[in-house]
C-alpha atoms as a PDB file:
ATOM      1  CA  MET A   1      75.487 197.858  15.906  1.00  0.00           C
ATOM      2  CA  SER A   2      73.591 201.094  16.926  1.00  0.00           C
ATOM      3  CA  TYR A   3      75.657 204.758  17.224  1.00  0.00           C
ATOM      4  CA  ALA A   4      75.093 206.653  20.344  1.00  0.00           C
ATOM      5  CA  ASP A   5      75.239 210.579  19.648  1.00  0.00           C
ATOM      6  CA  GLU A   6      77.652 212.535  21.406  1.00  0.00           C
ATOM      7  CA  MET A   7      76.070 215.744  20.325  1.00  0.00           C
ATOM      8  CA  THR A   8      72.893 216.926  20.551  1.00  0.00           C
ATOM      9  CA  PRO A   9      71.549 217.969  16.911  1.00  0.00           C
ATOM     10  CA  LYS A  10      71.583 221.970  17.877  1.00  0.00           C
ATOM     11  CA  GLU A  11      75.386 221.809  19.128  1.00  0.00           C
ATOM     12  CA  ARG A  12      75.893 219.549  16.135  1.00  0.00           C
ATOM     13  CA  MET A  13      74.603 222.158  14.042  1.00  0.00           C
ATOM     14  CA  GLN A  14      76.071 225.462  15.571  1.00  0.00           C
ATOM     15  CA  ALA A  15      79.558 223.508  15.672  1.00  0.00           C
ATOM     16  CA  ILE A  16      79.543 222.934  12.046  1.00  0.00           C
ATOM     17  CA  ILE A  17      78.673 225.990  11.712  1.00  0.00           C
ATOM     18  CA  GLN A  18      81.305 227.924  13.581  1.00  0.00           C
ATOM     19  CA  GLY A  19      83.895 225.101  11.849  1.00  0.00           C
ATOM     20  CA  LYS A  20      84.128 223.160  14.818  1.00  0.00           C
ATOM     21  CA  GLU A  21      84.925 219.248  15.354  1.00  0.00           C
ATOM     22  CA  VAL A  22      82.033 217.363  14.984  1.00  0.00           C
ATOM     23  CA  ASP A  23      81.090 213.670  15.713  1.00  0.00           C
ATOM     24  CA  ARG A  24      79.082 212.873  12.751  1.00  0.00           C
ATOM     25  CA  LEU A  25      77.276 214.626   9.714  1.00  0.00           C
ATOM     26  CA  ILE A  26      73.996 215.884  10.060  1.00  0.00           C
ATOM     27  CA  VAL A  27      71.341 213.257   9.001  1.00  0.00           C
ATOM     28  CA  SER A  28      68.341 215.330   8.118  1.00  0.00           C
ATOM     29  CA  PRO A  29      65.087 213.584   6.090  1.00  0.00           C
ATOM     30  CA  LEU A  30      62.851 216.431   4.917  1.00  0.00           C
ATOM     31  CA  ILE A  31      60.222 215.258   6.882  1.00  0.00           C
ATOM     32  CA  LEU A  32      57.077 217.734   6.427  1.00  0.00           C
ATOM     33  CA  ASN A  33      53.599 216.454   6.602  1.00  0.00           C
ATOM     34  CA  PHE A  34      54.851 213.216   7.767  1.00  0.00           C
ATOM     35  CA  ALA A  35      54.792 214.640  11.149  1.00  0.00           C
ATOM     36  CA  SER A  36      51.509 214.672  11.094  1.00  0.00           C
ATOM     37  CA  ARG A  37      52.018 210.790  11.380  1.00  0.00           C
ATOM     38  CA  SER A  38      53.075 210.960  14.767  1.00  0.00           C
ATOM     39  CA  LEU A  39      50.129 212.299  16.509  1.00  0.00           C
ATOM     40  CA  ASN A  40      47.721 210.278  14.239  1.00  0.00           C
ATOM     41  CA  LEU A  41      46.862 213.181  12.233  1.00  0.00           C
ATOM     42  CA  THR A  42      45.130 213.850   8.827  1.00  0.00           C
ATOM     43  CA  VAL A  43      47.275 216.454   6.572  1.00  0.00           C
ATOM     44  CA  ARG A  44      44.120 218.591   6.719  1.00  0.00           C
ATOM     45  CA  GLU A  45      44.173 218.764  10.706  1.00  0.00           C
ATOM     46  CA  PHE A  46      48.307 219.511  11.329  1.00  0.00           C
ATOM     47  CA  CYS A  47      48.303 222.285   8.528  1.00  0.00           C
ATOM     48  CA  THR A  48      45.117 224.428   9.764  1.00  0.00           C
ATOM     49  CA  ASN A  49      45.993 224.154  13.507  1.00  0.00           C
ATOM     50  CA  GLY A  50      49.373 225.785  14.584  1.00  0.00           C
ATOM     51  CA  LYS A  51      48.984 223.264  18.256  1.00  0.00           C
ATOM     52  CA  ASN A  52      48.542 220.483  16.098  1.00  0.00           C
ATOM     53  CA  MET A  53      51.572 221.522  13.713  1.00  0.00           C
ATOM     54  CA  GLY A  54      53.812 222.148  16.638  1.00  0.00           C
ATOM     55  CA  ASN A  55      52.995 219.182  18.729  1.00  0.00           C
ATOM     56  CA  ALA A  56      53.305 216.804  15.678  1.00  0.00           C
ATOM     57  CA  ASN A  57      56.587 218.079  15.404  1.00  0.00           C
ATOM     58  CA  ILE A  58      57.413 218.041  18.263  1.00  0.00           C
ATOM     59  CA  ALA A  59      56.313 214.410  18.618  1.00  0.00           C
ATOM     60  CA  CYS A  60      57.824 213.385  15.892  1.00  0.00           C
ATOM     61  CA  PHE A  61      61.325 214.491  16.874  1.00  0.00           C
ATOM     62  CA  LYS A  62      60.874 212.712  20.202  1.00  0.00           C
ATOM     63  CA  LYS A  63      60.296 209.748  18.452  1.00  0.00           C
ATOM     64  CA  TYR A  64      63.221 209.968  15.466  1.00  0.00           C
ATOM     65  CA  ARG A  65      65.600 212.553  16.671  1.00  0.00           C
ATOM     66  CA  HIS A  66      66.304 213.687  13.102  1.00  0.00           C
ATOM     67  CA  ASP A  67      68.860 216.891  12.979  1.00  0.00           C
ATOM     68  CA  ILE A  68      66.371 219.481  11.682  1.00  0.00           C
ATOM     69  CA  VAL A  69      62.841 219.629  12.603  1.00  0.00           C
ATOM     70  CA  TYR A  70      61.005 221.501   9.595  1.00  0.00           C
ATOM     71  CA  ILE A  71      57.861 223.406   9.777  1.00  0.00           C
ATOM     72  CA  PHE A  72      55.677 223.246   6.555  1.00  0.00           C
ATOM     73  CA  SER A  73      52.573 222.010   4.803  1.00  0.00           C
ATOM     74  CA  THR A  74      52.786 223.519   1.088  1.00  0.00           C
ATOM     75  CA  THR A  75      54.827 225.591  -1.178  1.00  0.00           C
ATOM     76  CA  SER A  76      52.167 228.005  -1.656  1.00  0.00           C
ATOM     77  CA  THR A  77      51.219 229.229   1.930  1.00  0.00           C
ATOM     78  CA  LEU A  78      52.439 232.689   0.873  1.00  0.00           C
ATOM     79  CA  ALA A  79      50.835 232.687  -2.289  1.00  0.00           C
ATOM     80  CA  GLU A  80      47.649 231.869  -0.458  1.00  0.00           C
ATOM     81  CA  ALA A  81      48.346 234.351   2.466  1.00  0.00           C
ATOM     82  CA  MET A  82      48.501 236.597  -0.931  1.00  0.00           C
ATOM     83  CA  GLY A  83      45.289 235.981  -2.072  1.00  0.00           C
ATOM     84  CA  THR A  84      44.896 232.463  -3.797  1.00  0.00           C
ATOM     85  CA  ARG A  85      42.424 230.053  -2.917  1.00  0.00           C
ATOM     86  CA  MET A  86      43.510 226.694  -1.289  1.00  0.00           C
ATOM     87  CA  TYR A  87      42.056 223.450  -1.909  1.00  0.00           C
ATOM     88  CA  PHE A  88      42.375 221.418   1.538  1.00  0.00           C
ATOM     89  CA  PRO A  89      42.055 217.287   0.453  1.00  0.00           C
ATOM     90  CA  GLU A  90      41.553 215.238   3.893  1.00  0.00           C
ATOM     91  CA  ASP A  91      45.109 213.413   3.895  1.00  0.00           C
ATOM     92  CA  ASP A  92      47.174 215.110   1.642  1.00  0.00           C
ATOM     93  CA  ALA A  93      49.327 218.082   1.299  1.00  0.00           C
ATOM     94  CA  PRO A  94      47.352 221.650  -0.032  1.00  0.00           C
ATOM     95  CA  GLN A  95      46.953 222.715  -3.245  1.00  0.00           C
ATOM     96  CA  VAL A  96      46.369 225.615  -5.355  1.00  0.00           C
ATOM     97  CA  GLU A  97      42.306 225.791  -6.442  1.00  0.00           C
ATOM     98  CA  THR A  98      42.392 229.373  -7.716  1.00  0.00           C
ATOM     99  CA  PRO A  99      45.258 231.656  -7.974  1.00  0.00           C
ATOM    100  CA  PHE A 100      44.697 235.589  -7.315  1.00  0.00           C
ATOM    101  CA  ILE A 101      45.511 236.828 -10.272  1.00  0.00           C
ATOM    102  CA  GLN A 102      43.535 236.004 -12.896  1.00  0.00           C
ATOM    103  CA  THR A 103      44.178 239.506 -15.574  1.00  0.00           C
ATOM    104  CA  ARG A 104      46.346 242.255 -15.314  1.00  0.00           C
ATOM    105  CA  GLU A 105      44.148 244.463 -13.234  1.00  0.00           C
ATOM    106  CA  ASP A 106      44.337 241.960  -9.970  1.00  0.00           C
ATOM    107  CA  LEU A 107      47.952 243.093  -9.366  1.00  0.00           C
ATOM    108  CA  LYS A 108      46.641 246.693  -7.956  1.00  0.00           C
ATOM    109  CA  ASN A 109      45.168 244.214  -5.265  1.00  0.00           C
ATOM    110  CA  LEU A 110      48.139 242.447  -4.853  1.00  0.00           C
ATOM    111  CA  GLN A 111      50.118 243.714  -1.566  1.00  0.00           C
ATOM    112  CA  PRO A 112      53.153 242.138   0.358  1.00  0.00           C
ATOM    113  CA  VAL A 113      51.831 239.714   3.281  1.00  0.00           C
ATOM    114  CA  THR A 114      51.574 240.795   6.717  1.00  0.00           C
ATOM    115  CA  PRO A 115      52.964 237.440   8.334  1.00  0.00           C
ATOM    116  CA  GLU A 116      50.884 238.010  12.174  1.00  0.00           C
ATOM    117  CA  LYS A 117      47.961 238.049  10.349  1.00  0.00           C
ATOM    118  CA  ASP A 118      47.639 237.266   6.510  1.00  0.00           C
ATOM    119  CA  GLY A 119      46.543 233.762   5.384  1.00  0.00           C
ATOM    120  CA  ARG A 120      47.659 230.733   7.414  1.00  0.00           C
ATOM    121  CA  ILE A 121      50.764 231.820   8.262  1.00  0.00           C
ATOM    122  CA  PRO A 122      49.807 232.406  12.071  1.00  0.00           C
ATOM    123  CA  VAL A 123      49.551 228.643  11.919  1.00  0.00           C
ATOM    124  CA  TYR A 124      53.167 228.249  10.929  1.00  0.00           C
ATOM    125  CA  ILE A 125      53.942 230.940  13.649  1.00  0.00           C
ATOM    126  CA  GLU A 126      52.443 229.204  16.334  1.00  0.00           C
ATOM    127  CA  ALA A 127      53.887 225.866  15.426  1.00  0.00           C
ATOM    128  CA  VAL A 128      57.310 227.670  15.049  1.00  0.00           C
ATOM    129  CA  LYS A 129      57.012 229.028  19.104  1.00  0.00           C
ATOM    130  CA  ARG A 130      55.419 225.559  20.184  1.00  0.00           C
ATOM    131  CA  CYS A 131      58.324 223.973  18.539  1.00  0.00           C
ATOM    132  CA  MET A 132      61.017 226.178  20.404  1.00  0.00           C
ATOM    133  CA  GLU A 133      59.509 226.169  23.834  1.00  0.00           C
ATOM    134  CA  ALA A 134      59.229 222.738  24.248  1.00  0.00           C
ATOM    135  CA  ILE A 135      62.711 221.418  21.875  1.00  0.00           C
ATOM    136  CA  GLY A 136      63.914 224.654  20.872  1.00  0.00           C
ATOM    137  CA  ASP A 137      67.205 223.797  23.004  1.00  0.00           C
ATOM    138  CA  ASP A 138      68.047 220.539  21.020  1.00  0.00           C
ATOM    139  CA  VAL A 139      67.135 221.328  17.895  1.00  0.00           C
ATOM    140  CA  PHE A 140      67.212 224.225  15.359  1.00  0.00           C
ATOM    141  CA  ILE A 141      63.580 224.544  14.169  1.00  0.00           C
ATOM    142  CA  VAL A 142      63.495 225.327  10.162  1.00  0.00           C
ATOM    143  CA  PRO A 143      60.361 227.245   8.576  1.00  0.00           C
ATOM    144  CA  VAL A 144      60.313 226.535   5.350  1.00  0.00           C
ATOM    145  CA  ILE A 145      59.073 229.531   3.112  1.00  0.00           C
ATOM    146  CA  GLY A 146      58.360 228.841  -0.835  1.00  0.00           C
ATOM    147  CA  ALA A 147      60.756 231.062  -2.993  1.00  0.00           C
ATOM    148  CA  PRO A 148      59.636 234.023  -4.654  1.00  0.00           C
ATOM    149  CA  PHE A 149      59.441 232.748  -8.204  1.00  0.00           C
ATOM    150  CA  THR A 150      57.375 229.751  -6.803  1.00  0.00           C
ATOM    151  CA  THR A 151      55.255 232.023  -4.964  1.00  0.00           C
ATOM    152  CA  SER A 152      54.514 234.076  -7.689  1.00  0.00           C
ATOM    153  CA  ALA A 153      53.828 231.086  -9.947  1.00  0.00           C
ATOM    154  CA  ALA A 154      50.931 230.267  -7.616  1.00  0.00           C
ATOM    155  CA  LEU A 155      49.456 233.907  -7.528  1.00  0.00           C
ATOM    156  CA  ARG A 156      49.358 233.054 -11.072  1.00  0.00           C
ATOM    157  CA  GLY A 157      49.310 229.631 -11.913  1.00  0.00           C
ATOM    158  CA  THR A 158      52.086 227.945 -12.680  1.00  0.00           C
ATOM    159  CA  GLU A 159      51.450 226.939 -16.098  1.00  0.00           C
ATOM    160  CA  VAL A 160      50.275 230.852 -17.231  1.00  0.00           C
ATOM    161  CA  PHE A 161      53.262 231.874 -15.632  1.00  0.00           C
ATOM    162  CA  ILE A 162      56.137 229.858 -17.203  1.00  0.00           C
ATOM    163  CA  LYS A 163      54.143 231.078 -20.834  1.00  0.00           C
ATOM    164  CA  GLU A 164      54.712 234.349 -19.376  1.00  0.00           C
ATOM    165  CA  LEU A 165      58.757 234.473 -18.965  1.00  0.00           C
ATOM    166  CA  TYR A 166      58.205 234.518 -23.051  1.00  0.00           C
ATOM    167  CA  THR A 167      55.390 236.601 -23.625  1.00  0.00           C
ATOM    168  CA  ASP A 168      54.894 239.054 -20.585  1.00  0.00           C
ATOM    169  CA  PRO A 169      58.732 239.664 -18.344  1.00  0.00           C
ATOM    170  CA  GLU A 170      57.053 242.490 -17.314  1.00  0.00           C
ATOM    171  CA  LEU A 171      53.875 240.732 -15.166  1.00  0.00           C
ATOM    172  CA  VAL A 172      56.501 238.540 -13.931  1.00  0.00           C
ATOM    173  CA  HIS A 173      59.287 240.692 -12.691  1.00  0.00           C
ATOM    174  CA  THR A 174      56.362 242.825 -11.435  1.00  0.00           C
ATOM    175  CA  LEU A 175      55.212 239.736  -9.634  1.00  0.00           C
ATOM    176  CA  MET A 176      58.291 238.773  -8.431  1.00  0.00           C
ATOM    177  CA  LYS A 177      59.072 241.995  -6.619  1.00  0.00           C
ATOM    178  CA  ILE A 178      56.302 241.596  -4.206  1.00  0.00           C
ATOM    179  CA  ALA A 179      56.674 237.784  -3.760  1.00  0.00           C
ATOM    180  CA  THR A 180      60.440 238.728  -2.482  1.00  0.00           C
ATOM    181  CA  GLN A 181      59.103 241.202  -0.023  1.00  0.00           C
ATOM    182  CA  SER A 182      56.515 238.467   0.946  1.00  0.00           C
ATOM    183  CA  VAL A 183      59.305 236.276   1.501  1.00  0.00           C
ATOM    184  CA  LYS A 184      61.251 238.932   3.479  1.00  0.00           C
ATOM    185  CA  ASN A 185      58.614 239.898   5.783  1.00  0.00           C
ATOM    186  CA  LEU A 186      57.918 236.064   6.175  1.00  0.00           C
ATOM    187  CA  ILE A 187      61.602 235.999   7.308  1.00  0.00           C
ATOM    188  CA  ASP A 188      61.399 238.650  10.016  1.00  0.00           C
ATOM    189  CA  ALA A 189      58.742 236.822  11.660  1.00  0.00           C
ATOM    190  CA  TYR A 190      60.184 233.823  11.660  1.00  0.00           C
ATOM    191  CA  VAL A 191      63.583 234.953  13.173  1.00  0.00           C
ATOM    192  CA  LYS A 192      61.641 237.050  15.649  1.00  0.00           C
ATOM    193  CA  GLU A 193      60.138 233.295  16.827  1.00  0.00           C
ATOM    194  CA  GLY A 194      63.306 231.642  16.826  1.00  0.00           C
ATOM    195  CA  GLY A 195      63.309 230.138  13.517  1.00  0.00           C
ATOM    196  CA  VAL A 196      66.167 229.527  11.113  1.00  0.00           C
ATOM    197  CA  PRO A 197      63.885 229.802   7.665  1.00  0.00           C
ATOM    198  CA  ALA A 198      64.794 227.667   4.517  1.00  0.00           C
ATOM    199  CA  THR A 199      63.624 228.610   1.156  1.00  0.00           C
ATOM    200  CA  VAL A 200      62.290 225.991  -1.328  1.00  0.00           C
ATOM    201  CA  GLU A 201      61.693 227.100  -5.056  1.00  0.00           C
ATOM    202  CA  PRO A 202      60.550 223.846  -6.713  1.00  0.00           C
ATOM    203  CA  VAL A 203      59.172 225.859 -10.327  1.00  0.00           C
ATOM    204  CA  ALA A 204      62.374 227.113 -10.868  1.00  0.00           C
ATOM    205  CA  THR A 205      63.996 223.786 -11.692  1.00  0.00           C
ATOM    206  CA  GLY A 206      66.220 222.710 -14.201  1.00  0.00           C
ATOM    207  CA  SER A 207      62.953 219.937 -15.088  1.00  0.00           C
ATOM    208  CA  MET A 208      60.808 223.307 -16.383  1.00  0.00           C
ATOM    209  CA  ILE A 209      62.880 226.448 -16.709  1.00  0.00           C
ATOM    210  CA  SER A 210      66.011 227.163 -18.674  1.00  0.00           C
ATOM    211  CA  GLU A 211      69.502 228.288 -16.966  1.00  0.00           C
ATOM    212  CA  LYS A 212      68.736 231.876 -19.264  1.00  0.00           C
ATOM    213  CA  HIS A 213      65.278 232.067 -17.680  1.00  0.00           C
ATOM    214  CA  PHE A 214      67.099 231.371 -14.227  1.00  0.00           C
ATOM    215  CA  ARG A 215      69.120 234.187 -14.591  1.00  0.00           C
ATOM    216  CA  GLU A 216      67.041 236.458 -15.737  1.00  0.00           C
ATOM    217  CA  PHE A 217      63.641 235.776 -13.054  1.00  0.00           C
ATOM    218  CA  VAL A 218      65.012 233.791 -10.608  1.00  0.00           C
ATOM    219  CA  LEU A 219      68.969 234.326  -9.447  1.00  0.00           C
ATOM    220  CA  PRO A 220      68.638 238.366  -8.802  1.00  0.00           C
ATOM    221  CA  TYR A 221      65.713 237.690  -6.216  1.00  0.00           C
ATOM    222  CA  LEU A 222      67.302 234.659  -4.133  1.00  0.00           C
ATOM    223  CA  LYS A 223      70.243 236.714  -4.242  1.00  0.00           C
ATOM    224  CA  GLU A 224      68.009 239.074  -2.345  1.00  0.00           C
ATOM    225  CA  VAL A 225      66.574 236.634  -0.401  1.00  0.00           C
ATOM    226  CA  TYR A 226      70.015 235.339   0.330  1.00  0.00           C
ATOM    227  CA  ALA A 227      71.140 238.632   1.532  1.00  0.00           C
ATOM    228  CA  HIS A 228      68.333 239.261   4.090  1.00  0.00           C
ATOM    229  CA  ILE A 229      68.606 236.003   5.944  1.00  0.00           C
ATOM    230  CA  HIS A 230      72.866 236.936   6.027  1.00  0.00           C
ATOM    231  CA  SER A 231      71.851 239.917   8.026  1.00  0.00           C
ATOM    232  CA  HIS A 232      70.094 238.050  10.537  1.00  0.00           C
ATOM    233  CA  ASN A 233      73.394 236.279  10.607  1.00  0.00           C
ATOM    234  CA  LEU A 234      72.186 233.009   9.828  1.00  0.00           C
ATOM    235  CA  PRO A 235      72.856 230.487   6.524  1.00  0.00           C
ATOM    236  CA  GLY A 236      70.904 230.724   3.973  1.00  0.00           C
ATOM    237  CA  VAL A 237      69.267 227.293   2.374  1.00  0.00           C
ATOM    238  CA  LEU A 238      67.819 226.913  -1.014  1.00  0.00           C
ATOM    239  CA  HIS A 239      66.120 223.260  -2.045  1.00  0.00           C
ATOM    240  CA  ILE A 240      65.084 222.989  -5.747  1.00  0.00           C
ATOM    241  CA  CYS A 241      64.020 219.123  -6.444  1.00  0.00           C
ATOM    242  CA  GLY A 242      63.686 217.359  -9.776  1.00  0.00           C
ATOM    243  CA  LYS A 243      66.349 217.920 -12.557  1.00  0.00           C
ATOM    244  CA  THR A 244      69.092 220.379 -11.770  1.00  0.00           C
ATOM    245  CA  LYS A 245      72.110 220.062 -13.097  1.00  0.00           C
ATOM    246  CA  ARG A 246      71.725 222.677 -15.759  1.00  0.00           C
ATOM    247  CA  VAL A 247      70.682 225.112 -12.804  1.00  0.00           C
ATOM    248  CA  ILE A 248      72.662 223.993  -9.688  1.00  0.00           C
ATOM    249  CA  GLN A 249      75.415 226.719 -11.027  1.00  0.00           C
ATOM    250  CA  CYS A 250      73.035 229.378 -10.736  1.00  0.00           C
ATOM    251  CA  MET A 251      71.982 228.214  -7.370  1.00  0.00           C
ATOM    252  CA  ALA A 252      75.448 228.441  -5.856  1.00  0.00           C
ATOM    253  CA  GLU A 253      75.228 231.660  -7.466  1.00  0.00           C
ATOM    254  CA  SER A 254      72.331 232.836  -5.435  1.00  0.00           C
ATOM    255  CA  GLY A 255      74.126 233.535  -1.972  1.00  0.00           C
ATOM    256  CA  ALA A 256      72.481 230.344  -0.542  1.00  0.00           C
ATOM    257  CA  ASP A 257      75.383 228.495   1.729  1.00  0.00           C
ATOM    258  CA  ILE A 258      73.389 224.876   1.710  1.00  0.00           C
ATOM    259  CA  LEU A 259      71.778 223.035  -1.776  1.00  0.00           C
ATOM    260  CA  SER A 260      69.449 220.642  -1.125  1.00  0.00           C
ATOM    261  CA  ILE A 261      69.012 218.886  -4.403  1.00  0.00           C
ATOM    262  CA  ASP A 262      67.203 215.770  -5.679  1.00  0.00           C
ATOM    263  CA  ASN A 263      67.428 214.089  -9.170  1.00  0.00           C
ATOM    264  CA  ILE A 264      71.073 215.165  -9.987  1.00  0.00           C
ATOM    265  CA  ASN A 265      74.348 212.618  -9.203  1.00  0.00           C
ATOM    266  CA  LEU A 266      76.118 213.571  -6.227  1.00  0.00           C
ATOM    267  CA  GLN A 267      79.238 213.305  -7.379  1.00  0.00           C
ATOM    268  CA  GLU A 268      78.627 215.541 -10.658  1.00  0.00           C
ATOM    269  CA  ALA A 269      76.893 218.145  -7.949  1.00  0.00           C
ATOM    270  CA  ARG A 270      80.036 218.045  -6.102  1.00  0.00           C
ATOM    271  CA  GLU A 271      82.600 218.620  -9.031  1.00  0.00           C
ATOM    272  CA  LEU A 272      80.312 221.574 -10.179  1.00  0.00           C
ATOM    273  CA  VAL A 273      79.737 223.505  -7.337  1.00  0.00           C
ATOM    274  CA  GLY A 274      81.153 221.607  -4.212  1.00  0.00           C
ATOM    275  CA  GLU A 275      83.686 224.258  -3.887  1.00  0.00           C
ATOM    276  CA  LYS A 276      81.157 226.907  -3.282  1.00  0.00           C
ATOM    277  CA  VAL A 277      78.295 225.692  -1.222  1.00  0.00           C
ATOM    278  CA  CYS A 278      77.550 222.575   1.528  1.00  0.00           C
ATOM    279  CA  LEU A 279      75.578 220.057  -0.387  1.00  0.00           C
ATOM    280  CA  MET A 280      72.105 218.274   0.970  1.00  0.00           C
ATOM    281  CA  GLY A 281      70.609 215.316  -0.256  1.00  0.00           C
ATOM    282  CA  ASN A 282      69.662 212.939  -2.734  1.00  0.00           C
ATOM    283  CA  ILE A 283      67.804 209.653  -1.269  1.00  0.00           C
ATOM    284  CA  SER A 284      65.088 209.250  -3.226  1.00  0.00           C
ATOM    285  CA  PRO A 285      61.731 210.015  -1.841  1.00  0.00           C
ATOM    286  CA  ALA A 286      59.762 207.647  -3.754  1.00  0.00           C
ATOM    287  CA  ASP A 287      62.397 204.317  -4.940  1.00  0.00           C
ATOM    288  CA  GLY A 288      64.061 204.870  -1.467  1.00  0.00           C
ATOM    289  CA  MET A 289      61.784 206.052   1.278  1.00  0.00           C
ATOM    290  CA  LEU A 290      58.424 204.945  -0.075  1.00  0.00           C
ATOM    291  CA  LYS A 291      58.413 201.694  -2.026  1.00  0.00           C
ATOM    292  CA  GLY A 292      62.001 201.124  -0.791  1.00  0.00           C
ATOM    293  CA  ASP A 293      62.942 198.682   2.255  1.00  0.00           C
ATOM    294  CA  PRO A 294      65.407 199.128   4.855  1.00  0.00           C
ATOM    295  CA  GLU A 295      68.153 197.218   2.878  1.00  0.00           C
ATOM    296  CA  ILE A 296      67.543 199.852  -0.138  1.00  0.00           C
ATOM    297  CA  ILE A 297      67.384 203.155   1.945  1.00  0.00           C
ATOM    298  CA  THR A 298      70.993 201.301   3.636  1.00  0.00           C
ATOM    299  CA  THR A 299      72.195 201.145   0.008  1.00  0.00           C
ATOM    300  CA  MET A 300      71.230 204.941  -0.997  1.00  0.00           C
ATOM    301  CA  ILE A 301      72.774 206.249   1.719  1.00  0.00           C
ATOM    302  CA  ARG A 302      75.998 204.692   1.933  1.00  0.00           C
ATOM    303  CA  ASP A 303      76.096 205.535  -1.959  1.00  0.00           C
ATOM    304  CA  CYS A 304      75.262 209.133  -1.104  1.00  0.00           C
ATOM    305  CA  ILE A 305      77.972 209.312   1.540  1.00  0.00           C
ATOM    306  CA  ALA A 306      80.401 207.754  -0.318  1.00  0.00           C
ATOM    307  CA  LYS A 307      79.859 210.800  -3.141  1.00  0.00           C
ATOM    308  CA  ALA A 308      79.853 213.333  -1.482  1.00  0.00           C
ATOM    309  CA  SER A 309      80.970 213.614   2.441  1.00  0.00           C
ATOM    310  CA  ASN A 310      84.658 214.816   1.286  1.00  0.00           C
ATOM    311  CA  ASN A 311      82.791 218.023  -0.672  1.00  0.00           C
ATOM    312  CA  PRO A 312      84.559 221.169   0.530  1.00  0.00           C
ATOM    313  CA  LYS A 313      82.321 222.644   1.642  1.00  0.00           C
ATOM    314  CA  GLY A 314      80.664 219.697   3.496  1.00  0.00           C
ATOM    315  CA  TYR A 315      77.544 217.134   3.281  1.00  0.00           C
ATOM    316  CA  ILE A 316      73.936 216.820   4.904  1.00  0.00           C
ATOM    317  CA  VAL A 317      72.512 213.207   4.624  1.00  0.00           C
ATOM    318  CA  ALA A 318      68.806 214.046   3.355  1.00  0.00           C
ATOM    319  CA  THR A 319      66.085 212.519   1.449  1.00  0.00           C
ATOM    320  CA  GLY A 320      66.167 214.483  -2.177  1.00  0.00           C
ATOM    321  CA  CYS A 321      62.800 216.229  -1.768  1.00  0.00           C
ATOM    322  CA  GLU A 322      59.723 215.324   1.173  1.00  0.00           C
ATOM    323  CA  VAL A 323      59.535 212.020   3.407  1.00  0.00           C
ATOM    324  CA  PRO A 324      56.211 210.996   1.457  1.00  0.00           C
ATOM    325  CA  ILE A 325      53.373 211.060   3.778  1.00  0.00           C
ATOM    326  CA  LYS A 326      52.543 206.847   3.884  1.00  0.00           C
ATOM    327  CA  THR A 327      56.612 206.161   4.112  1.00  0.00           C
ATOM    328  CA  PRO A 328      56.783 203.067   6.326  1.00  0.00           C
ATOM    329  CA  HIS A 329      57.720 203.328   9.915  1.00  0.00           C
ATOM    330  CA  GLU A 330      60.922 201.013   9.581  1.00  0.00           C
ATOM    331  CA  ASN A 331      62.045 202.873   6.245  1.00  0.00           C
ATOM    332  CA  LEU A 332      62.795 205.992   8.033  1.00  0.00           C
ATOM    333  CA  VAL A 333      64.200 204.547  11.185  1.00  0.00           C
ATOM    334  CA  ALA A 334      66.906 202.642   8.822  1.00  0.00           C
ATOM    335  CA  PHE A 335      67.205 205.971   7.336  1.00  0.00           C
ATOM    336  CA  LEU A 336      68.218 207.762  10.487  1.00  0.00           C
ATOM    337  CA  GLU A 337      70.067 204.433  11.704  1.00  0.00           C
ATOM    338  CA  ALA A 338      72.300 204.175   8.321  1.00  0.00           C
ATOM    339  CA  GLY A 339      73.188 207.850   8.140  1.00  0.00           C
ATOM    340  CA  ARG A 340      74.461 207.888  11.721  1.00  0.00           C
ATOM    341  CA  ARG A 341      75.637 204.277  11.318  1.00  0.00           C
ATOM    342  CA  PHE A 342      78.175 205.602   7.927  1.00  0.00           C
ATOM    343  CA  ALA A 343      78.129 209.250   8.705  1.00  0.00           C
ATOM    344  CA  GLN A 344      80.085 208.577  11.787  1.00  0.00           C
ATOM    345  CA  LEU A 345      83.323 210.666  11.391  1.00  0.00           C
ATOM    346  CA  PRO A 346      86.373 209.952  10.338  1.00  0.00           C
ATOM    347  CA  ILE A 347      84.093 208.552   7.385  1.00  0.00           C
ATOM    348  CA  ASN A 348      84.046 204.637   7.124  1.00  0.00           C
ATOM    349  CA  LEU A 349      82.307 202.846   4.648  1.00  0.00           C
ATOM    350  CA  SER A 350      83.174 199.766   5.784  1.00  0.00           C
ATOM    351  CA  CYS A 351      81.700 199.841   9.272  1.00  0.00           C
END
């Protein structure tokens, strides 16, 4: 049995933001580099050309009708625009090759980005423009930004940067201040084009840093970022993958309105922070989307909705992290069909 939507994705999101009734929960797998498959592009072709990135996301939306269109290729885009050298595999996400900050002297040459001209940011801006023109009336276009801590790690090198939380906190804070200004500059550039920016902070996962370090080196700057997003009258979205149990309460204090989470029990997350934020996630990208089958994915979605659909601040049906590039088409179709089926309001998991 198929379930026909009564609202467009944009109407649904606007109604939720305004506290109005909707037909169902938002169903939003994190389709990022996977969008390249809709035009049979390699990831390199997709992420180095704004026309390709925009057109692929347009084609992907028309194919799947997911509730949010994300514009993204790597969490290191800001760092690249600030001087970090990237490596571009033919058909995988770009990777850091040489961090910009090799010595303290390099800090003198570090400047916040000018989005209109630095690095590959113009590629993303063009993609946002194209999506806004083609499908912006139907769906929110959400460009994804590497948040300050993750951007700083890509500027310094993640392993060295994490060690310097202990050995050189002054350098860490210096990087964080400049990275935060870059994030704010990029937010402004995307909003100007009609985008609704979201931020990702994967290096700040509880798998890598303690709650103490999160509070000292991450939280103050995230608060600044979300205050800036709110100044545009937009909701703040924070995604952190990996194990987030020991930092999730900090995440909820950041000012973000929506927490996109990965490796944590949704019921436990709801009990810890559900009074403060909307929750989003956490269907397994690997065991579900990539390696699973439609039956496994349907079970995962039903389980997540059972645990989180009654969260006081709401719940968005989503993958815990990026939909893998090699995800089978039928698995993504199964995700969307099961999401729409079980997310109908009022929730009825026996349907």
